[in-house]
Amino acid sequence: MEAHVTSQSQPFRLRQRMEEAEVFHGQEVRADLPNVRVTALAGSGEGQALFCNIGRIRVREVLQRGDDCPLPTNVMLQGLEVPIAGTYDVFNARVSSNGDIELVVDEKTWLAPAVNRNGFDGSYTFS
């Protein structure tokens, strides 16, 4: 299921976490984004990404320096495909912030089910 940004995605939370991680306008980085939730959209094989509980972003590498302008408010998401709805940690994603905030899951990115203090987030079934 491929995830997209919708009106319920709360992109302002991603922007807040980027500001906390000192990701600047015009900058491009490789970063880890913990706790990105993906839910299925009814009646389709698509999902929506939810940033409401996103954790602190960890910048791995700065690919391009930025400037002091404000971060964009619109978020574009590309390539986030998950096998089932749930909460995922996204590692080494490409994040850029010029015009739109772009979160790209590419061949250098990997995902893992998010784990909280009590184990997995409860949306997984194991047999």
N, C-alpha and C. Protein backbone atom coordinates (compact mmCIF):
# COMPACT_ATOMS: atom_id res chain seq x y z
N MET A 1 0.85 -1.17 0.00
CA MET A 1 0.00 0.00 0.00
C MET A 1 0.90 1.23 0.00
N GLU A 2 0.66 2.13 -0.93
CA GLU A 2 1.44 3.36 -1.01
C GLU A 2 0.75 4.46 -0.21
N ALA A 3 1.52 5.13 0.62
CA ALA A 3 0.98 6.18 1.48
C ALA A 3 1.12 7.56 0.83
N HIS A 4 0.12 8.39 1.07
CA HIS A 4 0.10 9.76 0.56
C HIS A 4 -0.20 10.72 1.70
N VAL A 5 0.09 11.99 1.48
CA VAL A 5 -0.28 13.04 2.44
C VAL A 5 -1.71 13.45 2.13
N THR A 6 -2.53 13.53 3.17
CA THR A 6 -3.92 13.96 3.03
C THR A 6 -4.16 15.13 3.98
N SER A 7 -5.38 15.63 3.99
CA SER A 7 -5.71 16.73 4.89
C SER A 7 -5.64 16.32 6.36
N GLN A 8 -5.72 15.02 6.64
CA GLN A 8 -5.62 14.54 8.03
C GLN A 8 -4.19 14.20 8.45
N SER A 9 -3.23 14.36 7.57
CA SER A 9 -1.85 13.93 7.84
C SER A 9 -1.13 14.77 8.89
N GLN A 10 -1.62 15.95 9.19
CA GLN A 10 -0.99 16.88 10.13
C GLN A 10 0.46 17.20 9.73
N PRO A 11 0.65 17.73 8.52
CA PRO A 11 2.00 18.04 8.06
C PRO A 11 2.72 19.08 8.92
N PHE A 12 1.96 19.87 9.67
CA PHE A 12 2.60 20.86 10.55
C PHE A 12 3.47 20.17 11.61
N ARG A 13 3.12 18.93 12.00
CA ARG A 13 3.93 18.19 12.98
C ARG A 13 5.29 17.82 12.37
N LEU A 14 5.31 17.42 11.10
CA LEU A 14 6.57 17.15 10.41
C LEU A 14 7.41 18.41 10.36
N ARG A 15 6.77 19.51 10.02
CA ARG A 15 7.48 20.80 9.95
C ARG A 15 8.06 21.17 11.32
N GLN A 16 7.30 20.99 12.39
CA GLN A 16 7.80 21.27 13.75
C GLN A 16 9.02 20.42 14.07
N ARG A 17 8.95 19.15 13.75
CA ARG A 17 10.08 18.25 14.02
C ARG A 17 11.30 18.62 13.18
N MET A 18 11.07 19.10 11.97
CA MET A 18 12.19 19.56 11.14
C MET A 18 12.85 20.78 11.76
N GLU A 19 12.04 21.71 12.27
CA GLU A 19 12.59 22.90 12.93
C GLU A 19 13.41 22.51 14.16
N GLU A 20 12.89 21.56 14.95
CA GLU A 20 13.62 21.09 16.13
C GLU A 20 14.97 20.47 15.75
N ALA A 21 15.01 19.77 14.61
CA ALA A 21 16.24 19.13 14.14
C ALA A 21 17.14 20.11 13.40
N GLU A 22 16.71 21.37 13.32
CA GLU A 22 17.46 22.44 12.63
C GLU A 22 17.69 22.12 11.16
N VAL A 23 16.62 21.65 10.51
CA VAL A 23 16.61 21.50 9.06
C VAL A 23 16.09 22.82 8.51
N PHE A 24 16.84 23.43 7.61
CA PHE A 24 16.53 24.77 7.12
C PHE A 24 15.88 24.76 5.74
N HIS A 25 15.25 25.87 5.40
CA HIS A 25 14.67 26.06 4.08
C HIS A 25 15.77 25.88 3.03
N GLY A 26 15.45 25.18 1.97
CA GLY A 26 16.39 24.99 0.88
C GLY A 26 17.39 23.86 1.14
N GLN A 27 17.36 23.30 2.32
CA GLN A 27 18.30 22.25 2.69
C GLN A 27 17.79 20.89 2.22
N GLU A 28 18.73 20.02 1.92
CA GLU A 28 18.39 18.63 1.61
C GLU A 28 19.22 17.75 2.52
N VAL A 29 18.55 16.81 3.19
CA VAL A 29 19.23 15.96 4.16
C VAL A 29 18.80 14.51 3.99
N ARG A 30 19.57 13.62 4.57
CA ARG A 30 19.17 12.24 4.81
C ARG A 30 18.86 12.17 6.29
N ALA A 31 17.68 11.64 6.63
CA ALA A 31 17.24 11.67 8.03
C ALA A 31 16.41 10.47 8.39
N ASP A 32 16.36 10.19 9.70
CA ASP A 32 15.50 9.16 10.26
C ASP A 32 14.26 9.82 10.83
N LEU A 33 13.09 9.28 10.52
CA LEU A 33 11.82 9.81 11.00
C LEU A 33 11.07 8.70 11.74
N PRO A 34 11.08 8.74 13.06
CA PRO A 34 10.41 7.69 13.81
C PRO A 34 8.90 7.95 13.94
N ASN A 35 8.16 6.86 14.05
CA ASN A 35 6.72 6.91 14.36
C ASN A 35 5.87 7.57 13.28
N VAL A 36 6.05 7.18 12.04
CA VAL A 36 5.18 7.64 10.97
C VAL A 36 4.09 6.58 10.82
N ARG A 37 2.86 6.98 11.03
CA ARG A 37 1.74 6.03 10.98
C ARG A 37 1.14 6.02 9.57
N VAL A 38 0.80 4.85 9.11
CA VAL A 38 0.15 4.70 7.82
C VAL A 38 -1.17 3.96 8.06
N THR A 39 -2.26 4.58 7.61
CA THR A 39 -3.57 3.96 7.71
C THR A 39 -4.13 3.74 6.31
N ALA A 40 -4.96 2.72 6.17
CA ALA A 40 -5.57 2.42 4.87
C ALA A 40 -6.72 3.38 4.61
N LEU A 41 -6.82 3.84 3.39
CA LEU A 41 -7.97 4.65 2.97
C LEU A 41 -9.07 3.71 2.51
N ALA A 42 -10.24 3.90 3.04
CA ALA A 42 -11.37 3.01 2.73
C ALA A 42 -11.65 2.97 1.23
N GLY A 43 -11.86 1.77 0.74
CA GLY A 43 -12.25 1.60 -0.64
C GLY A 43 -11.13 1.72 -1.65
N SER A 44 -9.88 1.71 -1.19
CA SER A 44 -8.77 1.81 -2.14
C SER A 44 -7.59 1.01 -1.60
N GLY A 45 -6.62 0.81 -2.44
CA GLY A 45 -5.39 0.14 -2.03
C GLY A 45 -4.35 1.13 -1.57
N GLU A 46 -4.77 2.35 -1.32
CA GLU A 46 -3.83 3.40 -0.92
C GLU A 46 -3.94 3.68 0.57
N GLY A 47 -2.93 4.33 1.08
CA GLY A 47 -2.91 4.69 2.48
C GLY A 47 -2.63 6.16 2.67
N GLN A 48 -2.78 6.61 3.90
CA GLN A 48 -2.43 7.99 4.23
C GLN A 48 -1.37 7.96 5.33
N ALA A 49 -0.41 8.84 5.21
CA ALA A 49 0.63 8.99 6.22
C ALA A 49 0.14 9.98 7.27
N LEU A 50 0.36 9.64 8.53
CA LEU A 50 -0.03 10.51 9.64
C LEU A 50 1.22 10.88 10.43
N PHE A 51 1.45 12.18 10.58
CA PHE A 51 2.64 12.67 11.28
C PHE A 51 2.33 13.13 12.70
N CYS A 52 1.12 12.87 13.19
CA CYS A 52 0.71 13.41 14.49
C CYS A 52 1.61 12.95 15.63
N ASN A 53 2.13 11.73 15.59
CA ASN A 53 2.97 11.22 16.67
C ASN A 53 4.42 11.04 16.25
N ILE A 54 4.83 11.75 15.21
CA ILE A 54 6.21 11.60 14.73
C ILE A 54 7.19 11.99 15.84
N GLY A 55 8.24 11.20 15.96
CA GLY A 55 9.26 11.47 16.97
C GLY A 55 10.30 12.47 16.48
N ARG A 56 11.33 12.65 17.28
CA ARG A 56 12.40 13.58 16.91
C ARG A 56 13.14 13.07 15.67
N ILE A 57 13.37 13.96 14.74
CA ILE A 57 14.08 13.62 13.52
C ILE A 57 15.58 13.62 13.79
N ARG A 58 16.25 12.60 13.28
CA ARG A 58 17.70 12.50 13.40
C ARG A 58 18.30 12.73 12.02
N VAL A 59 19.08 13.80 11.87
CA VAL A 59 19.73 14.10 10.59
C VAL A 59 20.99 13.25 10.49
N ARG A 60 21.08 12.45 9.45
CA ARG A 60 22.25 11.60 9.21
C ARG A 60 23.31 12.30 8.39
N GLU A 61 22.85 13.06 7.38
CA GLU A 61 23.78 13.67 6.44
C GLU A 61 23.13 14.90 5.82
N VAL A 62 23.89 15.97 5.69
CA VAL A 62 23.42 17.17 4.98
C VAL A 62 23.93 17.07 3.55
N LEU A 63 23.01 17.01 2.59
CA LEU A 63 23.36 16.89 1.18
C LEU A 63 23.50 18.25 0.52
N GLN A 64 22.72 19.22 1.00
CA GLN A 64 22.77 20.58 0.46
C GLN A 64 22.42 21.55 1.58
N ARG A 65 23.21 22.59 1.70
CA ARG A 65 22.96 23.59 2.74
C ARG A 65 21.73 24.42 2.40
N GLY A 66 21.13 24.99 3.43
CA GLY A 66 19.93 25.80 3.26
C GLY A 66 20.16 27.26 3.58
N ASP A 67 19.08 27.98 3.86
CA ASP A 67 19.15 29.40 4.19
C ASP A 67 18.24 29.68 5.39
N ASP A 68 18.04 30.95 5.71
CA ASP A 68 17.27 31.34 6.88
C ASP A 68 15.79 31.60 6.61
N CYS A 69 15.32 31.31 5.41
CA CYS A 69 13.90 31.52 5.10
C CYS A 69 13.05 30.49 5.85
N PRO A 70 11.76 30.78 6.05
CA PRO A 70 10.90 29.82 6.75
C PRO A 70 10.70 28.54 5.93
N LEU A 71 10.49 27.44 6.65
CA LEU A 71 10.21 26.18 6.00
C LEU A 71 8.86 26.25 5.29
N PRO A 72 8.71 25.57 4.17
CA PRO A 72 7.41 25.52 3.50
C PRO A 72 6.37 24.81 4.37
N THR A 73 5.11 25.00 4.07
CA THR A 73 4.05 24.36 4.86
C THR A 73 3.47 23.14 4.16
N ASN A 74 3.60 23.07 2.84
CA ASN A 74 3.05 21.94 2.09
C ASN A 74 4.03 20.77 2.11
N VAL A 75 3.51 19.54 2.29
CA VAL A 75 4.35 18.34 2.33
C VAL A 75 3.99 17.42 1.17
N MET A 76 5.01 16.95 0.47
CA MET A 76 4.86 15.96 -0.60
C MET A 76 5.56 14.69 -0.14
N LEU A 77 4.95 13.54 -0.39
CA LEU A 77 5.50 12.26 0.03
C LEU A 77 5.62 11.38 -1.19
N GLN A 78 6.79 10.73 -1.32
CA GLN A 78 7.04 9.93 -2.50
C GLN A 78 7.66 8.58 -2.10
N GLY A 79 7.09 7.50 -2.57
CA GLY A 79 7.73 6.20 -2.44
C GLY A 79 7.52 5.45 -1.13
N LEU A 80 6.64 5.93 -0.25
CA LEU A 80 6.41 5.23 1.01
C LEU A 80 5.40 4.12 0.78
N GLU A 81 5.91 2.89 0.63
CA GLU A 81 5.06 1.72 0.43
C GLU A 81 5.25 0.78 1.60
N VAL A 82 4.13 0.35 2.19
CA VAL A 82 4.17 -0.54 3.36
C VAL A 82 3.28 -1.76 3.09
N PRO A 83 3.61 -2.90 3.73
CA PRO A 83 2.81 -4.10 3.49
C PRO A 83 1.44 -4.06 4.17
N ILE A 84 1.38 -3.42 5.35
CA ILE A 84 0.12 -3.32 6.09
C ILE A 84 0.08 -1.97 6.80
N ALA A 85 -1.12 -1.56 7.20
CA ALA A 85 -1.26 -0.34 7.99
C ALA A 85 -0.53 -0.54 9.32
N GLY A 86 0.05 0.52 9.83
CA GLY A 86 0.77 0.45 11.10
C GLY A 86 1.65 1.66 11.28
N THR A 87 2.50 1.60 12.28
CA THR A 87 3.42 2.70 12.56
C THR A 87 4.83 2.23 12.23
N TYR A 88 5.55 3.07 11.49
CA TYR A 88 6.87 2.70 10.99
C TYR A 88 7.92 3.75 11.35
N ASP A 89 9.13 3.27 11.55
CA ASP A 89 10.29 4.15 11.62
C ASP A 89 10.89 4.16 10.22
N VAL A 90 11.12 5.36 9.69
CA VAL A 90 11.65 5.52 8.34
C VAL A 90 13.11 5.96 8.49
N PHE A 91 14.02 5.15 7.97
CA PHE A 91 15.45 5.41 8.13
C PHE A 91 16.07 5.88 6.83
N ASN A 92 16.90 6.92 6.94
CA ASN A 92 17.70 7.44 5.84
C ASN A 92 16.86 7.96 4.67
N ALA A 93 15.72 8.57 4.97
CA ALA A 93 14.88 9.17 3.93
C ALA A 93 15.54 10.46 3.44
N ARG A 94 15.26 10.81 2.20
CA ARG A 94 15.74 12.09 1.66
C ARG A 94 14.67 13.13 1.93
N VAL A 95 15.05 14.18 2.62
CA VAL A 95 14.11 15.25 2.99
C VAL A 95 14.66 16.55 2.43
N SER A 96 13.84 17.25 1.65
CA SER A 96 14.25 18.56 1.13
C SER A 96 13.15 19.56 1.41
N SER A 97 13.50 20.83 1.38
CA SER A 97 12.54 21.85 1.81
C SER A 97 12.66 23.12 0.98
N ASN A 98 12.46 22.98 -0.31
CA ASN A 98 12.50 24.14 -1.19
C ASN A 98 11.22 24.14 -2.02
N GLY A 99 10.31 25.08 -1.76
CA GLY A 99 9.01 25.11 -2.42
C GLY A 99 7.99 24.30 -1.64
N ASP A 100 8.24 23.01 -1.48
CA ASP A 100 7.47 22.10 -0.64
C ASP A 100 8.46 21.35 0.24
N ILE A 101 7.98 20.81 1.34
CA ILE A 101 8.77 19.83 2.07
C ILE A 101 8.57 18.52 1.33
N GLU A 102 9.66 17.93 0.86
CA GLU A 102 9.57 16.67 0.14
C GLU A 102 10.21 15.57 0.97
N LEU A 103 9.45 14.53 1.23
CA LEU A 103 9.92 13.36 1.95
C LEU A 103 9.93 12.22 0.93
N VAL A 104 11.15 11.74 0.62
CA VAL A 104 11.30 10.73 -0.42
C VAL A 104 11.88 9.45 0.17
N VAL A 105 11.16 8.36 -0.05
CA VAL A 105 11.63 7.04 0.31
C VAL A 105 12.20 6.44 -0.97
N ASP A 106 13.53 6.22 -0.99
CA ASP A 106 14.17 5.71 -2.20
C ASP A 106 14.99 4.46 -1.89
N GLU A 107 15.87 4.10 -2.81
CA GLU A 107 16.64 2.86 -2.66
C GLU A 107 17.62 2.89 -1.48
N LYS A 108 17.90 4.06 -0.93
CA LYS A 108 18.79 4.17 0.23
C LYS A 108 18.02 4.23 1.54
N THR A 109 16.71 4.14 1.47
CA THR A 109 15.83 4.25 2.64
C THR A 109 15.32 2.86 3.02
N TRP A 110 15.15 2.63 4.33
CA TRP A 110 14.52 1.39 4.78
C TRP A 110 13.53 1.70 5.89
N LEU A 111 12.60 0.78 6.09
CA LEU A 111 11.53 0.93 7.09
C LEU A 111 11.60 -0.21 8.09
N ALA A 112 11.13 0.06 9.30
CA ALA A 112 10.97 -0.97 10.32
C ALA A 112 9.71 -0.65 11.11
N PRO A 113 8.98 -1.68 11.54
CA PRO A 113 7.83 -1.41 12.41
C PRO A 113 8.29 -0.66 13.66
N ALA A 114 7.57 0.38 14.03
CA ALA A 114 7.94 1.18 15.20
C ALA A 114 7.69 0.37 16.47
N VAL A 115 8.58 0.54 17.42
CA VAL A 115 8.47 -0.16 18.70
C VAL A 115 8.35 0.90 19.79
N ASN A 116 7.36 0.73 20.69
CA ASN A 116 7.26 1.64 21.83
C ASN A 116 7.70 0.90 23.09
N ARG A 117 7.54 1.51 24.24
CA ARG A 117 8.00 0.91 25.49
C ARG A 117 7.40 -0.47 25.74
N ASN A 118 6.20 -0.70 25.27
CA ASN A 118 5.51 -1.97 25.53
C ASN A 118 5.58 -2.92 24.34
N GLY A 119 6.48 -2.69 23.42
CA GLY A 119 6.59 -3.54 22.25
C GLY A 119 6.05 -2.85 21.03
N PHE A 120 5.59 -3.64 20.07
CA PHE A 120 5.06 -3.06 18.84
C PHE A 120 3.80 -2.26 19.14
N ASP A 121 3.40 -1.43 18.18
CA ASP A 121 2.31 -0.48 18.44
C ASP A 121 0.93 -1.11 18.54
N GLY A 122 0.83 -2.42 18.39
CA GLY A 122 -0.48 -3.07 18.55
C GLY A 122 -1.22 -3.27 17.25
N SER A 123 -0.74 -2.70 16.15
CA SER A 123 -1.44 -2.85 14.88
C SER A 123 -0.95 -4.08 14.10
N TYR A 124 -0.02 -4.83 14.67
CA TYR A 124 0.54 -5.98 14.00
C TYR A 124 0.02 -7.26 14.61
N THR A 125 -0.16 -8.27 13.78
CA THR A 125 -0.51 -9.60 14.30
C THR A 125 0.61 -10.54 13.93
N PHE A 126 1.06 -11.28 14.88
CA PHE A 126 2.13 -12.25 14.66
C PHE A 126 1.60 -13.63 14.98
N SER A 127 1.99 -14.62 14.18
CA SER A 127 1.55 -15.99 14.47
C SER A 127 2.73 -16.92 14.59
